[in-house]
Every structure is written in structure tokens, then in C-alpha cells.
PDB file of N, CA and C in Angstrom:
ATOM      1  N   MET A   1      -9.006  86.981 -45.612  1.00  0.00           N
ATOM      2  CA  MET A   1      -7.633  86.863 -45.732  1.00  0.00           C
ATOM      3  C   MET A   1      -7.353  85.887 -44.849  1.00  0.00           C
ATOM      4  N   ILE A   2      -6.236  85.189 -45.410  1.00  0.00           N
ATOM      5  CA  ILE A   2      -5.984  83.722 -44.295  1.00  0.00           C
ATOM      6  C   ILE A   2      -4.731  84.542 -43.630  1.00  0.00           C
ATOM      7  N   THR A   3      -4.974  84.175 -42.677  1.00  0.00           N
ATOM      8  CA  THR A   3      -3.731  84.536 -41.950  1.00  0.00           C
ATOM      9  C   THR A   3      -2.900  83.077 -41.592  1.00  0.00           C
ATOM     10  N   LYS A   4      -1.675  83.306 -41.256  1.00  0.00           N
ATOM     11  CA  LYS A   4      -0.672  82.124 -40.601  1.00  0.00           C
ATOM     12  C   LYS A   4      -1.577  81.861 -39.594  1.00  0.00           C
ATOM     13  N   ARG A   5      -2.031  82.130 -38.503  1.00  0.00           N
ATOM     14  CA  ARG A   5      -2.885  81.489 -37.588  1.00  0.00           C
ATOM     15  C   ARG A   5      -3.754  80.996 -38.551  1.00  0.00           C
ATOM     16  N   SER A   6      -4.406  80.807 -38.802  1.00  0.00           N
ATOM     17  CA  SER A   6      -5.456  80.108 -39.270  1.00  0.00           C
ATOM     18  C   SER A   6      -4.776  78.968 -40.706  1.00  0.00           C
ATOM     19  N   ILE A   7      -4.115  79.162 -41.090  1.00  0.00           N
ATOM     20  CA  ILE A   7      -3.107  77.986 -41.916  1.00  0.00           C
ATOM     21  C   ILE A   7      -2.348  76.842 -40.815  1.00  0.00           C
ATOM     22  N   VAL A   8      -2.052  77.257 -39.856  1.00  0.00           N
ATOM     23  CA  VAL A   8      -1.393  76.772 -38.949  1.00  0.00           C
ATOM     24  C   VAL A   8      -2.520  75.779 -37.774  1.00  0.00           C
ATOM     25  N   ALA A   9      -3.371  76.361 -37.571  1.00  0.00           N
ATOM     26  CA  ALA A   9      -4.661  75.950 -37.043  1.00  0.00           C
ATOM     27  C   ALA A   9      -5.521  74.951 -37.838  1.00  0.00           C
ATOM     28  N   SER A  10      -5.219  75.096 -39.040  1.00  0.00           N
ATOM     29  CA  SER A  10      -6.077  73.950 -39.846  1.00  0.00           C
ATOM     30  C   SER A  10      -5.060  72.443 -40.207  1.00  0.00           C
ATOM     31  N   LEU A  11      -3.927  72.892 -40.073  1.00  0.00           N
ATOM     32  CA  LEU A  11      -2.632  72.142 -40.020  1.00  0.00           C
ATOM     33  C   LEU A  11      -2.411  71.105 -38.970  1.00  0.00           C
ATOM     34  N   VAL A  12      -2.643  72.030 -37.733  1.00  0.00           N
ATOM     35  CA  VAL A  12      -2.592  70.831 -36.533  1.00  0.00           C
ATOM     36  C   VAL A  12      -2.772  69.731 -36.709  1.00  0.00           C
ATOM     37  N   PRO A  13      -4.243  70.013 -36.737  1.00  0.00           N
ATOM     38  CA  PRO A  13      -5.317  68.661 -36.881  1.00  0.00           C
ATOM     39  C   PRO A  13      -4.482  67.781 -37.695  1.00  0.00           C
ATOM     40  N   LEU A  14      -4.032  67.871 -38.949  1.00  0.00           N
ATOM     41  CA  LEU A  14      -3.797  66.870 -39.855  1.00  0.00           C
ATOM     42  C   LEU A  14      -2.528  66.340 -39.263  1.00  0.00           C
ATOM     43  N   LEU A  15      -1.304  67.190 -38.857  1.00  0.00           N
ATOM     44  CA  LEU A  15      -0.556  66.648 -38.161  1.00  0.00           C
ATOM     45  C   LEU A  15      -0.471  65.379 -37.246  1.00  0.00           C
ATOM     46  N   ILE A  16      -1.146  66.061 -36.306  1.00  0.00           N
ATOM     47  CA  ILE A  16      -1.720  64.984 -35.136  1.00  0.00           C
ATOM     48  C   ILE A  16      -2.276  63.557 -35.624  1.00  0.00           C
ATOM     49  N   GLY A  17      -3.096  63.847 -36.404  1.00  0.00           N
ATOM     50  CA  GLY A  17      -3.601  62.501 -37.269  1.00  0.00           C
ATOM     51  C   GLY A  17      -2.531  61.554 -37.738  1.00  0.00           C
ATOM     52  N   MET A  18      -1.654  62.696 -38.534  1.00  0.00           N
ATOM     53  CA  MET A  18      -0.416  61.297 -39.059  1.00  0.00           C
ATOM     54  C   MET A  18       0.286  60.904 -38.108  1.00  0.00           C
ATOM     55  N   ALA A  19       0.329  61.395 -36.838  1.00  0.00           N
ATOM     56  CA  ALA A  19       1.026  61.267 -35.956  1.00  0.00           C
ATOM     57  C   ALA A  19       1.422  60.120 -34.940  1.00  0.00           C
ATOM     58  N   ALA A  20      -0.365  59.744 -35.065  1.00  0.00           N
ATOM     59  CA  ALA A  20      -1.178  58.717 -34.260  1.00  0.00           C
ATOM     60  C   ALA A  20      -0.743  57.299 -34.455  1.00  0.00           C
ATOM     61  N   PRO A  21       0.021  56.725 -33.660  1.00  0.00           N
ATOM     62  CA  PRO A  21       0.151  55.415 -33.910  1.00  0.00           C
ATOM     63  C   PRO A  21      -0.585  54.241 -34.494  1.00  0.00           C
ATOM     64  N   TRP A  22      -0.287  53.498 -35.614  1.00  0.00           N
ATOM     65  CA  TRP A  22      -0.962  52.636 -36.507  1.00  0.00           C
ATOM     66  C   TRP A  22      -1.148  51.348 -35.302  1.00  0.00           C
ATOM     67  N   SER A  23      -2.533  50.861 -36.071  1.00  0.00           N
ATOM     68  CA  SER A  23      -2.905  49.617 -35.090  1.00  0.00           C
ATOM     69  C   SER A  23      -1.611  48.498 -35.853  1.00  0.00           C
ATOM     70  N   TRP A  24      -1.327  47.427 -34.808  1.00  0.00           N
ATOM     71  CA  TRP A  24      -0.691  46.672 -35.617  1.00  0.00           C
ATOM     72  C   TRP A  24      -1.508  45.115 -34.866  1.00  0.00           C
ATOM     73  N   ALA A  25      -2.607  45.128 -34.919  1.00  0.00           N
ATOM     74  CA  ALA A  25      -3.309  43.613 -34.359  1.00  0.00           C
ATOM     75  C   ALA A  25      -3.126  42.871 -35.604  1.00  0.00           C
ATOM     76  N   ASP A  26      -3.006  41.687 -34.997  1.00  0.00           N
ATOM     77  CA  ASP A  26      -2.655  40.389 -35.833  1.00  0.00           C
ATOM     78  C   ASP A  26      -4.588  40.227 -36.551  1.00  0.00           C
ATOM     79  N   PRO A  27      -4.447  40.073 -38.058  1.00  0.00           N
ATOM     80  CA  PRO A  27      -5.769  39.933 -38.570  1.00  0.00           C
ATOM     81  C   PRO A  27      -6.670  38.781 -37.886  1.00  0.00           C
ATOM     82  N   GLU A  28      -8.044  39.276 -38.316  1.00  0.00           N
ATOM     83  CA  GLU A  28      -8.605  37.643 -38.292  1.00  0.00           C
ATOM     84  C   GLU A  28      -8.141  36.359 -38.660  1.00  0.00           C
ATOM     85  N   PRO A  29      -8.287  35.587 -37.568  1.00  0.00           N
ATOM     86  CA  PRO A  29      -8.236  34.204 -38.184  1.00  0.00           C
ATOM     87  C   PRO A  29      -8.928  33.531 -39.303  1.00  0.00           C
ATOM     88  N   ALA A  30      -8.925  32.947 -39.973  1.00  0.00           N
ATOM     89  CA  ALA A  30      -9.408  32.099 -41.073  1.00  0.00           C
ATOM     90  C   ALA A  30     -10.749  31.740 -40.343  1.00  0.00           C
ATOM     91  N   GLY A  31     -11.717  31.638 -41.117  1.00  0.00           N
ATOM     92  CA  GLY A  31     -13.051  30.482 -40.717  1.00  0.00           C
ATOM     93  C   GLY A  31     -13.337  29.751 -41.038  1.00  0.00           C
ATOM     94  N   PRO A  32     -13.951  28.868 -40.786  1.00  0.00           N
ATOM     95  CA  PRO A  32     -14.504  27.392 -40.908  1.00  0.00           C
ATOM     96  C   PRO A  32     -14.870  27.454 -42.682  1.00  0.00           C
ATOM     97  N   GLY A  33     -15.354  28.534 -42.854  1.00  0.00           N
ATOM     98  CA  GLY A  33     -15.391  28.606 -44.989  1.00  0.00           C
ATOM     99  C   GLY A  33     -14.157  28.217 -45.602  1.00  0.00           C
ATOM    100  N   ALA A  34     -13.076  29.348 -44.766  1.00  0.00           N
ATOM    101  CA  ALA A  34     -12.003  29.450 -45.683  1.00  0.00           C
ATOM    102  C   ALA A  34     -11.135  27.769 -45.339  1.00  0.00           C
ATOM    103  N   ASN A  35     -11.215  27.219 -44.243  1.00  0.00           N
ATOM    104  CA  ASN A  35     -10.838  25.901 -43.988  1.00  0.00           C
ATOM    105  C   ASN A  35     -11.455  24.709 -44.810  1.00  0.00           C
ATOM    106  N   ALA A  36     -12.449  24.938 -44.732  1.00  0.00           N
ATOM    107  CA  ALA A  36     -13.140  24.061 -45.855  1.00  0.00           C
ATOM    108  C   ALA A  36     -12.657  24.060 -47.328  1.00  0.00           C
ATOM    109  N   ALA A  37     -12.612  25.182 -47.700  1.00  0.00           N
ATOM    110  CA  ALA A  37     -12.279  25.352 -48.995  1.00  0.00           C
ATOM    111  C   ALA A  37     -11.154  24.836 -49.658  1.00  0.00           C
ATOM    112  N   ALA A  38      -9.841  24.826 -48.355  1.00  0.00           N
ATOM    113  CA  ALA A  38      -8.685  24.507 -48.423  1.00  0.00           C
ATOM    114  C   ALA A  38      -8.361  23.036 -48.655  1.00  0.00           C
ATOM    115  N   ALA A  39      -9.533  22.574 -47.687  1.00  0.00           N
ATOM    116  CA  ALA A  39      -9.446  20.887 -47.798  1.00  0.00           C
ATOM    117  C   ALA A  39      -9.777  20.602 -48.841  1.00  0.00           C
ATOM    118  N   VAL A  40     -11.068  21.207 -49.477  1.00  0.00           N
ATOM    119  CA  VAL A  40     -11.561  20.396 -50.862  1.00  0.00           C
ATOM    120  C   VAL A  40     -10.341  21.067 -52.030  1.00  0.00           C
ATOM    121  N   SER A  41      -9.872  21.913 -51.721  1.00  0.00           N
ATOM    122  CA  SER A  41      -8.640  22.487 -53.158  1.00  0.00           C
ATOM    123  C   SER A  41      -7.512  21.262 -52.566  1.00  0.00           C
ATOM    124  N   ASP A  42      -7.039  20.528 -51.797  1.00  0.00           N
ATOM    125  CA  ASP A  42      -6.062  20.583 -51.295  1.00  0.00           C
ATOM    126  C   ASP A  42      -5.953  18.878 -52.266  1.00  0.00           C
ATOM    127  N   VAL A  43      -7.634  18.339 -52.560  1.00  0.00           N
ATOM    128  CA  VAL A  43      -7.528  17.265 -53.009  1.00  0.00           C
ATOM    129  C   VAL A  43      -7.073  17.190 -54.253  1.00  0.00           C
ATOM    130  N   PHE A  44      -7.438  18.480 -55.227  1.00  0.00           N
ATOM    131  CA  PHE A  44      -6.672  18.735 -56.511  1.00  0.00           C
ATOM    132  C   PHE A  44      -5.361  18.899 -56.399  1.00  0.00           C
ATOM    133  N   TYR A  45      -5.149  19.756 -55.628  1.00  0.00           N
ATOM    134  CA  TYR A  45      -3.586  20.812 -55.437  1.00  0.00           C
ATOM    135  C   TYR A  45      -2.491  19.947 -55.207  1.00  0.00           C
ATOM    136  N   VAL A  46      -2.678  18.871 -54.157  1.00  0.00           N
ATOM    137  CA  VAL A  46      -1.535  18.101 -53.721  1.00  0.00           C
ATOM    138  C   VAL A  46      -0.804  17.450 -54.772  1.00  0.00           C
ATOM    139  N   PRO A  47      -2.196  16.309 -55.313  1.00  0.00           N
ATOM    140  CA  PRO A  47      -1.898  15.688 -56.651  1.00  0.00           C
ATOM    141  C   PRO A  47      -1.009  16.132 -57.735  1.00  0.00           C
ATOM    142  N   GLY A  48      -1.531  17.253 -58.429  1.00  0.00           N
ATOM    143  CA  GLY A  48      -1.382  17.985 -58.983  1.00  0.00           C
ATOM    144  C   GLY A  48       0.152  18.735 -58.822  1.00  0.00           C
ATOM    145  N   LYS A  49       0.760  19.225 -57.811  1.00  0.00           N
ATOM    146  CA  LYS A  49       2.060  19.525 -57.338  1.00  0.00           C
ATOM    147  C   LYS A  49       2.948  18.290 -57.413  1.00  0.00           C
ATOM    148  N   ALA A  50       2.427  16.981 -57.257  1.00  0.00           N
ATOM    149  CA  ALA A  50       3.354  15.521 -57.209  1.00  0.00           C
ATOM    150  C   ALA A  50       3.581  15.825 -58.596  1.00  0.00           C
ATOM    151  N   ILE A  51       2.928  15.638 -59.515  1.00  0.00           N
ATOM    152  CA  ILE A  51       2.796  15.327 -60.980  1.00  0.00           C
ATOM    153  C   ILE A  51       3.660  16.381 -61.514  1.00  0.00           C
ATOM    154  N   VAL A  52       3.309  17.666 -61.162  1.00  0.00           N
ATOM    155  CA  VAL A  52       4.330  18.695 -62.050  1.00  0.00           C
ATOM    156  C   VAL A  52       5.977  18.695 -61.341  1.00  0.00           C
ATOM    157  N   CYS A  53       6.107  18.328 -59.953  1.00  0.00           N
ATOM    158  CA  CYS A  53       7.333  17.757 -59.126  1.00  0.00           C
ATOM    159  C   CYS A  53       8.235  16.967 -60.024  1.00  0.00           C
ATOM    160  N   GLY A  54       7.084  15.980 -60.365  1.00  0.00           N
ATOM    161  CA  GLY A  54       8.072  15.170 -61.259  1.00  0.00           C
ATOM    162  C   GLY A  54       8.292  15.053 -62.493  1.00  0.00           C
ATOM    163  N   VAL A  55       7.258  15.525 -63.235  1.00  0.00           N
ATOM    164  CA  VAL A  55       7.781  15.913 -64.204  1.00  0.00           C
ATOM    165  C   VAL A  55       8.932  17.049 -64.490  1.00  0.00           C
ATOM    166  N   SER A  56       8.872  18.152 -63.686  1.00  0.00           N
ATOM    167  CA  SER A  56      10.188  18.618 -63.431  1.00  0.00           C
ATOM    168  C   SER A  56      11.422  18.005 -62.948  1.00  0.00           C
ATOM    169  N   GLY A  57      11.402  16.793 -62.658  1.00  0.00           N
ATOM    170  CA  GLY A  57      12.428  15.894 -62.197  1.00  0.00           C
ATOM    171  C   GLY A  57      12.908  15.346 -63.433  1.00  0.00           C
ATOM    172  N   VAL A  58      11.996  14.689 -64.407  1.00  0.00           N
ATOM    173  CA  VAL A  58      12.139  14.367 -65.366  1.00  0.00           C
ATOM    174  C   VAL A  58      12.932  15.193 -66.598  1.00  0.00           C
ATOM    175  N   LEU A  59      12.311  16.639 -66.923  1.00  0.00           N
ATOM    176  CA  LEU A  59      12.767  17.553 -66.926  1.00  0.00           C
ATOM    177  C   LEU A  59      14.339  17.711 -66.555  1.00  0.00           C
ATOM    178  N   TRP A  60      14.750  17.584 -65.692  1.00  0.00           N
ATOM    179  CA  TRP A  60      16.087  17.964 -64.840  1.00  0.00           C
ATOM    180  C   TRP A  60      17.177  16.957 -65.543  1.00  0.00           C
ATOM    181  N   VAL A  61      16.703  15.582 -65.793  1.00  0.00           N
ATOM    182  CA  VAL A  61      17.639  14.604 -65.927  1.00  0.00           C
ATOM    183  C   VAL A  61      17.570  15.147 -67.716  1.00  0.00           C
ATOM    184  N   GLY A  62      16.540  15.224 -68.322  1.00  0.00           N
ATOM    185  CA  GLY A  62      16.553  15.242 -69.978  1.00  0.00           C
ATOM    186  C   GLY A  62      17.426  16.587 -69.785  1.00  0.00           C
ATOM    187  N   THR A  63      17.424  17.408 -69.178  1.00  0.00           N
ATOM    188  CA  THR A  63      18.284  18.825 -69.724  1.00  0.00           C
ATOM    189  C   THR A  63      19.625  18.205 -69.041  1.00  0.00           C
ATOM    190  N   MET A  64      20.033  17.911 -68.093  1.00  0.00           N
ATOM    191  CA  MET A  64      21.485  17.210 -67.268  1.00  0.00           C
ATOM    192  C   MET A  64      22.178  16.413 -69.051  1.00  0.00           C
ATOM    193  N   ALA A  65      21.126  15.143 -69.360  1.00  0.00           N
ATOM    194  CA  ALA A  65      21.931  14.467 -70.472  1.00  0.00           C
ATOM    195  C   ALA A  65      21.823  15.014 -71.902  1.00  0.00           C
ATOM    196  N   LEU A  66      21.065  16.350 -72.075  1.00  0.00           N
ATOM    197  CA  LEU A  66      21.201  16.613 -73.373  1.00  0.00           C
ATOM    198  C   LEU A  66      22.466  17.824 -73.473  1.00  0.00           C
ATOM    199  N   THR A  67      22.716  18.727 -72.108  1.00  0.00           N
ATOM    200  CA  THR A  67      23.409  19.195 -72.056  1.00  0.00           C
ATOM    201  C   THR A  67      25.088  19.221 -71.402  1.00  0.00           C
ATOM    202  N   PHE A  68      25.322  17.672 -71.196  1.00  0.00           N
ATOM    203  CA  PHE A  68      26.303  16.943 -70.877  1.00  0.00           C
ATOM    204  C   PHE A  68      26.473  18.008 -69.536  1.00  0.00           C
ATOM    205  N   GLY A  69      25.607  18.235 -68.691  1.00  0.00           N
ATOM    206  CA  GLY A  69      25.441  19.331 -67.504  1.00  0.00           C
ATOM    207  C   GLY A  69      26.109  20.449 -67.576  1.00  0.00           C
ATOM    208  N   PHE A  70      26.140  20.807 -68.537  1.00  0.00           N
ATOM    209  CA  PHE A  70      26.441  22.433 -68.723  1.00  0.00           C
ATOM    210  C   PHE A  70      25.411  23.540 -68.599  1.00  0.00           C
ATOM    211  N   LEU A  71      24.072  23.231 -68.410  1.00  0.00           N
ATOM    212  CA  LEU A  71      22.902  23.841 -67.927  1.00  0.00           C
ATOM    213  C   LEU A  71      22.988  23.624 -67.092  1.00  0.00           C
ATOM    214  N   TYR A  72      23.266  23.128 -65.769  1.00  0.00           N
ATOM    215  CA  TYR A  72      22.991  22.522 -64.444  1.00  0.00           C
ATOM    216  C   TYR A  72      22.049  23.939 -63.812  1.00  0.00           C
ATOM    217  N   GLN A  73      21.954  24.969 -64.055  1.00  0.00           N
ATOM    218  CA  GLN A  73      21.780  25.763 -63.366  1.00  0.00           C
ATOM    219  C   GLN A  73      19.996  26.191 -63.778  1.00  0.00           C
ATOM    220  N   GLU A  74      20.203  25.931 -65.129  1.00  0.00           N
ATOM    221  CA  GLU A  74      18.655  26.005 -65.476  1.00  0.00           C
ATOM    222  C   GLU A  74      17.643  24.999 -65.252  1.00  0.00           C
ATOM    223  N   ALA A  75      18.637  23.549 -65.034  1.00  0.00           N
ATOM    224  CA  ALA A  75      18.200  22.371 -65.026  1.00  0.00           C
ATOM    225  C   ALA A  75      17.564  22.581 -63.654  1.00  0.00           C
ATOM    226  N   THR A  76      18.642  22.780 -62.389  1.00  0.00           N
ATOM    227  CA  THR A  76      18.002  23.146 -61.465  1.00  0.00           C
ATOM    228  C   THR A  76      16.927  23.904 -61.113  1.00  0.00           C
ATOM    229  N   ASP A  77      16.217  25.080 -62.268  1.00  0.00           N
ATOM    230  CA  ASP A  77      15.362  26.145 -61.764  1.00  0.00           C
ATOM    231  C   ASP A  77      14.024  25.016 -62.111  1.00  0.00           C
ATOM    232  N   PHE A  78      14.233  24.340 -63.188  1.00  0.00           N
ATOM    233  CA  PHE A  78      12.911  23.008 -63.523  1.00  0.00           C
ATOM    234  C   PHE A  78      12.446  22.539 -62.061  1.00  0.00           C
ATOM    235  N   VAL A  79      13.477  22.250 -61.297  1.00  0.00           N
ATOM    236  CA  VAL A  79      13.391  21.351 -60.345  1.00  0.00           C
ATOM    237  C   VAL A  79      12.602  22.188 -59.057  1.00  0.00           C
ATOM    238  N   LYS A  80      13.539  23.626 -58.895  1.00  0.00           N
ATOM    239  CA  LYS A  80      12.868  23.986 -57.801  1.00  0.00           C
ATOM    240  C   LYS A  80      12.102  25.255 -58.166  1.00  0.00           C
ATOM    241  N   GLY A  81      11.514  25.005 -59.144  1.00  0.00           N
ATOM    242  CA  GLY A  81       9.914  25.370 -59.675  1.00  0.00           C
ATOM    243  C   GLY A  81       8.676  24.754 -59.247  1.00  0.00           C
ATOM    244  N   GLY A  82       9.285  23.358 -59.970  1.00  0.00           N
ATOM    245  CA  GLY A  82       7.743  22.658 -59.999  1.00  0.00           C
ATOM    246  C   GLY A  82       7.899  21.762 -58.528  1.00  0.00           C
ATOM    247  N   CYS A  83       8.781  21.730 -57.644  1.00  0.00           N
ATOM    248  CA  CYS A  83       9.005  20.929 -56.676  1.00  0.00           C
ATOM    249  C   CYS A  83       8.911  21.449 -55.228  1.00  0.00           C
ATOM    250  N   GLY A  84       9.174  23.265 -55.533  1.00  0.00           N
ATOM    251  CA  GLY A  84       9.268  24.595 -54.597  1.00  0.00           C
ATOM    252  C   GLY A  84       7.897  24.795 -53.831  1.00  0.00           C
ATOM    253  N   GLY A  85       7.984  25.684 -52.925  1.00  0.00           N
ATOM    254  CA  GLY A  85       6.649  26.443 -52.311  1.00  0.00           C
ATOM    255  C   GLY A  85       6.053  25.293 -51.903  1.00  0.00           C
ATOM    256  N   LYS A  86       4.506  25.960 -51.617  1.00  0.00           N
ATOM    257  CA  LYS A  86       3.726  25.317 -50.512  1.00  0.00           C
ATOM    258  C   LYS A  86       3.349  23.916 -51.176  1.00  0.00           C
ATOM    259  N   TRP A  87       3.501  22.955 -50.318  1.00  0.00           N
ATOM    260  CA  TRP A  87       2.930  21.609 -50.863  1.00  0.00           C
ATOM    261  C   TRP A  87       0.994  21.247 -50.573  1.00  0.00           C
ATOM    262  N   VAL A  88       0.812  22.275 -49.200  1.00  0.00           N
ATOM    263  CA  VAL A  88      -0.516  21.860 -48.477  1.00  0.00           C
ATOM    264  C   VAL A  88      -1.113  23.325 -48.225  1.00  0.00           C
ATOM    265  N   LEU A  89      -2.679  23.545 -48.903  1.00  0.00           N
ATOM    266  CA  LEU A  89      -3.268  24.695 -48.775  1.00  0.00           C
ATOM    267  C   LEU A  89      -3.814  24.797 -46.948  1.00  0.00           C
ATOM    268  N   THR A  90      -3.971  26.135 -46.955  1.00  0.00           N
ATOM    269  CA  THR A  90      -4.570  26.205 -45.364  1.00  0.00           C
ATOM    270  C   THR A  90      -5.758  27.255 -45.660  1.00  0.00           C
ATOM    271  N   GLY A  91      -6.222  27.340 -44.527  1.00  0.00           N
ATOM    272  CA  GLY A  91      -7.249  28.425 -44.634  1.00  0.00           C
ATOM    273  C   GLY A  91      -6.628  29.776 -44.918  1.00  0.00           C
ATOM    274  N   GLU A  92      -5.569  29.955 -43.857  1.00  0.00           N
ATOM    275  CA  GLU A  92      -5.143  31.406 -44.146  1.00  0.00           C
ATOM    276  C   GLU A  92      -4.733  31.798 -45.444  1.00  0.00           C
ATOM    277  N   ASP A  93      -4.415  30.290 -46.289  1.00  0.00           N
ATOM    278  CA  ASP A  93      -4.104  31.129 -47.691  1.00  0.00           C
ATOM    279  C   ASP A  93      -5.264  31.501 -48.523  1.00  0.00           C
ATOM    280  N   PHE A  94      -6.552  31.077 -48.188  1.00  0.00           N
ATOM    281  CA  PHE A  94      -7.795  31.889 -48.871  1.00  0.00           C
ATOM    282  C   PHE A  94      -8.006  32.822 -48.298  1.00  0.00           C
ATOM    283  N   LYS A  95      -7.775  33.007 -46.666  1.00  0.00           N
ATOM    284  CA  LYS A  95      -8.123  34.222 -46.400  1.00  0.00           C
ATOM    285  C   LYS A  95      -7.498  35.593 -46.545  1.00  0.00           C
ATOM    286  N   SER A  96      -6.174  35.236 -47.205  1.00  0.00           N
ATOM    287  CA  SER A  96      -5.568  36.606 -47.434  1.00  0.00           C
ATOM    288  C   SER A  96      -5.792  36.698 -49.121  1.00  0.00           C
ATOM    289  N   ALA A  97      -6.032  35.849 -49.572  1.00  0.00           N
ATOM    290  CA  ALA A  97      -6.564  35.928 -51.314  1.00  0.00           C
ATOM    291  C   ALA A  97      -7.786  36.670 -51.578  1.00  0.00           C
ATOM    292  N   SER A  98      -8.774  36.749 -50.251  1.00  0.00           N
ATOM    293  CA  SER A  98      -9.825  37.247 -50.201  1.00  0.00           C
ATOM    294  C   SER A  98      -9.730  38.410 -49.816  1.00  0.00           C
ATOM    295  N   SER A  99      -8.928  38.561 -49.294  1.00  0.00           N
ATOM    296  CA  SER A  99      -9.112  40.137 -47.653  1.00  0.00           C
ATOM    297  C   SER A  99      -8.394  41.146 -49.086  1.00  0.00           C
ATOM    298  N   TYR A 100      -8.014  40.856 -49.973  1.00  0.00           N
ATOM    299  CA  TYR A 100      -7.222  42.139 -51.526  1.00  0.00           C
ATOM    300  C   TYR A 100      -8.731  42.629 -52.290  1.00  0.00           C
TER     301      TYR A 100
END
């Protein structure tokens, strides 16, 4: 027969384990392999990002001209999407992607 004492005795270690503080240590830095992969990827990524940004600027001008400025927010979204974000990849980008 299970008594209250045995139930409490089995739950105490569980509660103590849940109350233990989490470790918030920084993750390990990216290694040389991740930095090398980032450097090689930047050879293609940066020019591709510049091309996409340039095309999005052309789309902004075209949208503004065709709509006489009525779709200003939508035209601005072209430029934000094409020119925003990271322009250079680092080893940290590859490290975080491989840790999932």
C-alpha cells in the first residue's frame, strides 16, 4: 500500500532537481572550421546580397512610379527585404545553425 510518506519521499528528489539553478554559461566559440566556412560562403553571399539589394531598389522605383506613390509601404518592403539583415557571415552563424 502506498502511503503519503512514500509519495512525498519520491517527489522530493524531483522537486529538488527542478529547483536547481540552470547553467547560463556562454556557448563555446566557433571553431576554425566554422570561420573558414563563413569566409568561403561570403565569396558568394556578399555579391548575391548586393545584387538582390540593387534589384529591390529598382523594384522600389518601379512600384513608386507605377502607383504614383500610393503603395509606398509595399515599395519600402522590397528594399527592407533585399537590403536589410546581415551582409557578412561569421563563424557564429554557422555554429548556431549546426547546433540544432
